[in-house]
Amino acid sequence: MPRYGKRGPRATNLQAITEDAVEVQSLPSEGFAAGDIGDGEDSWETGSVSSKFGDLFEAYSGRRVPLGVLDNELRELHEQSGISWNKFRLVIKSRGICLTNCQEYGSPWALAEQLRMNKKLIMSKQRAKAYRHVKACMIQVYF
């Protein structure tokens, strides 16, 4: 017998959950071009946008780059990519980019670990917030 909570009925067995998943997977995806919503949430990452991000941070990797220059590069990349601002912020944060040395650590957790171990890499919050696209790179680090 299904149990009801504050949010309504919930599945009590794996079969009900998998049946729902099969129904969702069988929806037609016709009429969508490559890179549209129908291809999946992360289809843009496999294309040229991902390589552009890699090229940008590879060029500056290990160097101290003025935040104004970095902000301009990120703004141009955002305009060229054609993705929404929220999606752009998610991409930037998911790459774990250090603002001090423009090094890409691969994830926000790896970046946070590096910042905990080397406090010289921590950027002033006030300086970073002055630039919109640089501000999107910021993560919280707990000591």
C-alpha atoms as a PDB file:
ATOM      1  CA  MET A   1       0.000   0.000   0.000  1.00  0.00           C
ATOM      2  CA  PRO A   2       1.491   3.393  -0.958  1.00  0.00           C
ATOM      3  CA  ARG A   3       2.393   5.787   1.830  1.00  0.00           C
ATOM      4  CA  TYR A   4       1.300   9.390   1.711  1.00  0.00           C
ATOM      5  CA  GLY A   5       3.280  12.268   3.162  1.00  0.00           C
ATOM      6  CA  LYS A   6       3.011  16.019   3.074  1.00  0.00           C
ATOM      7  CA  ARG A   7       3.915  16.087  -0.612  1.00  0.00           C
ATOM      8  CA  GLY A   8       1.578  13.348  -1.772  1.00  0.00           C
ATOM      9  CA  PRO A   9       2.082   9.689  -2.704  1.00  0.00           C
ATOM     10  CA  ARG A  10       5.542   8.242  -3.126  1.00  0.00           C
ATOM     11  CA  ALA A  11       6.706   5.029  -4.746  1.00  0.00           C
ATOM     12  CA  THR A  12       7.425   2.229  -2.308  1.00  0.00           C
ATOM     13  CA  ASN A  13       9.130  -0.166  -4.682  1.00  0.00           C
ATOM     14  CA  LEU A  14      11.736  -0.021  -7.418  1.00  0.00           C
ATOM     15  CA  GLN A  15       9.346  -1.250 -10.108  1.00  0.00           C
ATOM     16  CA  ALA A  16       7.149   1.852  -9.938  1.00  0.00           C
ATOM     17  CA  ILE A  17      10.189   4.094 -10.191  1.00  0.00           C
ATOM     18  CA  THR A  18      11.648   2.270 -13.208  1.00  0.00           C
ATOM     19  CA  GLU A  19       8.290   2.263 -15.005  1.00  0.00           C
ATOM     20  CA  ASP A  20       8.160   6.054 -14.679  1.00  0.00           C
ATOM     21  CA  ALA A  21      11.722   6.319 -15.989  1.00  0.00           C
ATOM     22  CA  VAL A  22      10.886   4.167 -19.029  1.00  0.00           C
ATOM     23  CA  GLU A  23       7.942   6.430 -19.853  1.00  0.00           C
ATOM     24  CA  VAL A  24      10.125   9.539 -19.710  1.00  0.00           C
ATOM     25  CA  GLN A  25      12.858   7.980 -21.845  1.00  0.00           C
ATOM     26  CA  SER A  26      10.413   6.974 -24.559  1.00  0.00           C
ATOM     27  CA  LEU A  27       9.274  10.535 -25.322  1.00  0.00           C
ATOM     28  CA  PRO A  28      10.087  11.540 -28.921  1.00  0.00           C
ATOM     29  CA  SER A  29      12.896  14.027 -29.445  1.00  0.00           C
ATOM     30  CA  GLU A  30      12.041  14.832 -33.060  1.00  0.00           C
ATOM     31  CA  GLY A  31      12.114  18.419 -34.250  1.00  0.00           C
ATOM     32  CA  PHE A  32      15.136  19.477 -32.222  1.00  0.00           C
ATOM     33  CA  ALA A  33      18.400  20.556 -33.798  1.00  0.00           C
ATOM     34  CA  ALA A  34      21.787  19.671 -32.348  1.00  0.00           C
ATOM     35  CA  GLY A  35      22.444  21.691 -29.200  1.00  0.00           C
ATOM     36  CA  ASP A  36      18.765  22.382 -28.499  1.00  0.00           C
ATOM     37  CA  ILE A  37      16.927  21.481 -25.344  1.00  0.00           C
ATOM     38  CA  GLY A  38      15.883  18.112 -26.745  1.00  0.00           C
ATOM     39  CA  ASP A  39      19.456  16.803 -26.888  1.00  0.00           C
ATOM     40  CA  GLY A  40      19.843  16.861 -23.129  1.00  0.00           C
ATOM     41  CA  GLU A  41      21.016  19.301 -20.563  1.00  0.00           C
ATOM     42  CA  ASP A  42      24.764  18.973 -21.133  1.00  0.00           C
ATOM     43  CA  SER A  43      24.953  18.529 -24.910  1.00  0.00           C
ATOM     44  CA  TRP A  44      26.613  21.947 -25.333  1.00  0.00           C
ATOM     45  CA  GLU A  45      29.600  20.804 -23.271  1.00  0.00           C
ATOM     46  CA  THR A  46      30.768  18.282 -25.848  1.00  0.00           C
ATOM     47  CA  GLY A  47      31.133  20.861 -28.588  1.00  0.00           C
ATOM     48  CA  SER A  48      33.117  23.954 -29.246  1.00  0.00           C
ATOM     49  CA  VAL A  49      32.119  25.741 -26.023  1.00  0.00           C
ATOM     50  CA  SER A  50      34.081  23.288 -23.917  1.00  0.00           C
ATOM     51  CA  SER A  51      37.137  23.644 -26.130  1.00  0.00           C
ATOM     52  CA  LYS A  52      36.878  27.452 -25.984  1.00  0.00           C
ATOM     53  CA  PHE A  53      36.882  27.328 -22.180  1.00  0.00           C
ATOM     54  CA  GLY A  54      39.887  25.019 -22.247  1.00  0.00           C
ATOM     55  CA  ASP A  55      41.770  27.261 -24.681  1.00  0.00           C
ATOM     56  CA  LEU A  56      41.066  30.395 -22.653  1.00  0.00           C
ATOM     57  CA  PHE A  57      42.342  29.054 -19.358  1.00  0.00           C
ATOM     58  CA  GLU A  58      45.209  27.135 -20.938  1.00  0.00           C
ATOM     59  CA  ALA A  59      46.548  30.384 -22.387  1.00  0.00           C
ATOM     60  CA  TYR A  60      46.570  32.091 -18.970  1.00  0.00           C
ATOM     61  CA  SER A  61      47.307  29.045 -16.789  1.00  0.00           C
ATOM     62  CA  GLY A  62      49.816  29.640 -14.017  1.00  0.00           C
ATOM     63  CA  ARG A  63      50.013  33.410 -14.593  1.00  0.00           C
ATOM     64  CA  ARG A  64      48.574  36.275 -12.629  1.00  0.00           C
ATOM     65  CA  VAL A  65      46.135  37.927 -15.001  1.00  0.00           C
ATOM     66  CA  PRO A  66      44.477  41.283 -14.196  1.00  0.00           C
ATOM     67  CA  LEU A  67      40.824  40.754 -13.323  1.00  0.00           C
ATOM     68  CA  GLY A  68      39.702  43.270 -15.952  1.00  0.00           C
ATOM     69  CA  VAL A  69      41.398  41.269 -18.711  1.00  0.00           C
ATOM     70  CA  LEU A  70      39.934  38.013 -17.397  1.00  0.00           C
ATOM     71  CA  ASP A  71      36.471  39.580 -17.179  1.00  0.00           C
ATOM     72  CA  ASN A  72      36.684  40.787 -20.800  1.00  0.00           C
ATOM     73  CA  GLU A  73      37.790  37.332 -21.993  1.00  0.00           C
ATOM     74  CA  LEU A  74      34.956  35.649 -20.094  1.00  0.00           C
ATOM     75  CA  ARG A  75      32.431  38.180 -21.433  1.00  0.00           C
ATOM     76  CA  GLU A  76      33.530  37.525 -25.018  1.00  0.00           C
ATOM     77  CA  LEU A  77      33.373  33.785 -24.424  1.00  0.00           C
ATOM     78  CA  HIS A  78      29.862  34.112 -22.997  1.00  0.00           C
ATOM     79  CA  GLU A  79      28.713  36.135 -26.006  1.00  0.00           C
ATOM     80  CA  GLN A  80      30.270  33.689 -28.486  1.00  0.00           C
ATOM     81  CA  SER A  81      28.879  30.607 -26.785  1.00  0.00           C
ATOM     82  CA  GLY A  82      25.263  31.755 -26.964  1.00  0.00           C
ATOM     83  CA  ILE A  83      24.274  30.038 -23.710  1.00  0.00           C
ATOM     84  CA  SER A  84      22.187  31.635 -20.981  1.00  0.00           C
ATOM     85  CA  TRP A  85      23.767  33.452 -18.051  1.00  0.00           C
ATOM     86  CA  ASN A  86      22.696  30.773 -15.558  1.00  0.00           C
ATOM     87  CA  LYS A  87      24.150  28.010 -17.727  1.00  0.00           C
ATOM     88  CA  PHE A  88      27.353  30.021 -18.137  1.00  0.00           C
ATOM     89  CA  ARG A  89      27.690  30.402 -14.365  1.00  0.00           C
ATOM     90  CA  LEU A  90      27.194  26.673 -13.880  1.00  0.00           C
ATOM     91  CA  VAL A  91      29.880  25.908 -16.459  1.00  0.00           C
ATOM     92  CA  ILE A  92      32.357  28.297 -14.857  1.00  0.00           C
ATOM     93  CA  LYS A  93      31.749  27.014 -11.339  1.00  0.00           C
ATOM     94  CA  SER A  94      31.880  23.368 -12.388  1.00  0.00           C
ATOM     95  CA  ARG A  95      35.368  23.842 -13.847  1.00  0.00           C
ATOM     96  CA  GLY A  96      36.896  25.057 -10.564  1.00  0.00           C
ATOM     97  CA  ILE A  97      38.928  27.989 -11.876  1.00  0.00           C
ATOM     98  CA  CYS A  98      41.330  29.792  -9.550  1.00  0.00           C
ATOM     99  CA  LEU A  99      41.131  33.556 -10.089  1.00  0.00           C
ATOM    100  CA  THR A 100      44.650  34.209  -8.828  1.00  0.00           C
ATOM    101  CA  ASN A 101      46.594  32.001 -11.232  1.00  0.00           C
ATOM    102  CA  CYS A 102      43.892  31.085 -13.828  1.00  0.00           C
ATOM    103  CA  GLN A 103      44.510  27.397 -13.156  1.00  0.00           C
ATOM    104  CA  GLU A 104      41.637  25.017 -13.877  1.00  0.00           C
ATOM    105  CA  TYR A 105      41.266  22.373 -11.155  1.00  0.00           C
ATOM    106  CA  GLY A 106      38.370  20.433 -12.686  1.00  0.00           C
ATOM    107  CA  SER A 107      35.785  20.808  -9.917  1.00  0.00           C
ATOM    108  CA  PRO A 108      34.853  23.315  -7.215  1.00  0.00           C
ATOM    109  CA  TRP A 109      35.815  20.764  -4.550  1.00  0.00           C
ATOM    110  CA  ALA A 110      39.320  20.363  -5.945  1.00  0.00           C
ATOM    111  CA  LEU A 111      39.686  24.147  -6.115  1.00  0.00           C
ATOM    112  CA  ALA A 112      38.458  24.538  -2.535  1.00  0.00           C
ATOM    113  CA  GLU A 113      41.013  21.961  -1.381  1.00  0.00           C
ATOM    114  CA  GLN A 114      43.815  23.843  -3.164  1.00  0.00           C
ATOM    115  CA  LEU A 115      42.687  27.131  -1.611  1.00  0.00           C
ATOM    116  CA  ARG A 116      42.681  25.561   1.858  1.00  0.00           C
ATOM    117  CA  MET A 117      46.218  24.251   1.383  1.00  0.00           C
ATOM    118  CA  ASN A 118      47.627  27.411  -0.248  1.00  0.00           C
ATOM    119  CA  LYS A 119      46.031  30.543   1.175  1.00  0.00           C
ATOM    120  CA  LYS A 120      48.068  32.763  -1.177  1.00  0.00           C
ATOM    121  CA  LEU A 121      45.725  31.688  -3.981  1.00  0.00           C
ATOM    122  CA  ILE A 122      42.677  33.220  -2.275  1.00  0.00           C
ATOM    123  CA  MET A 123      41.407  36.299  -4.121  1.00  0.00           C
ATOM    124  CA  SER A 124      39.933  39.290  -2.313  1.00  0.00           C
ATOM    125  CA  LYS A 125      36.156  39.017  -2.403  1.00  0.00           C
ATOM    126  CA  GLN A 126      35.780  42.768  -2.858  1.00  0.00           C
ATOM    127  CA  ARG A 127      38.101  42.817  -5.891  1.00  0.00           C
ATOM    128  CA  ALA A 128      36.411  39.843  -7.558  1.00  0.00           C
ATOM    129  CA  LYS A 129      32.879  41.168  -7.073  1.00  0.00           C
ATOM    130  CA  ALA A 130      33.712  44.293  -9.058  1.00  0.00           C
ATOM    131  CA  TYR A 131      33.573  42.272 -12.297  1.00  0.00           C
ATOM    132  CA  ARG A 132      30.381  40.455 -13.314  1.00  0.00           C
ATOM    133  CA  HIS A 133      31.923  37.519 -15.197  1.00  0.00           C
ATOM    134  CA  VAL A 134      34.761  37.072 -12.708  1.00  0.00           C
ATOM    135  CA  LYS A 135      32.191  37.055  -9.907  1.00  0.00           C
ATOM    136  CA  ALA A 136      30.612  33.992 -11.549  1.00  0.00           C
ATOM    137  CA  CYS A 137      33.835  32.047 -10.849  1.00  0.00           C
ATOM    138  CA  MET A 138      33.679  32.593  -7.088  1.00  0.00           C
ATOM    139  CA  ILE A 139      33.097  29.661  -4.742  1.00  0.00           C
ATOM    140  CA  GLN A 140      32.709  29.407  -0.967  1.00  0.00           C
ATOM    141  CA  VAL A 141      35.569  27.883   0.974  1.00  0.00           C
ATOM    142  CA  TYR A 142      35.163  26.838   4.596  1.00  0.00           C
ATOM    143  CA  PHE A 143      38.241  26.560   6.796  1.00  0.00           C
END
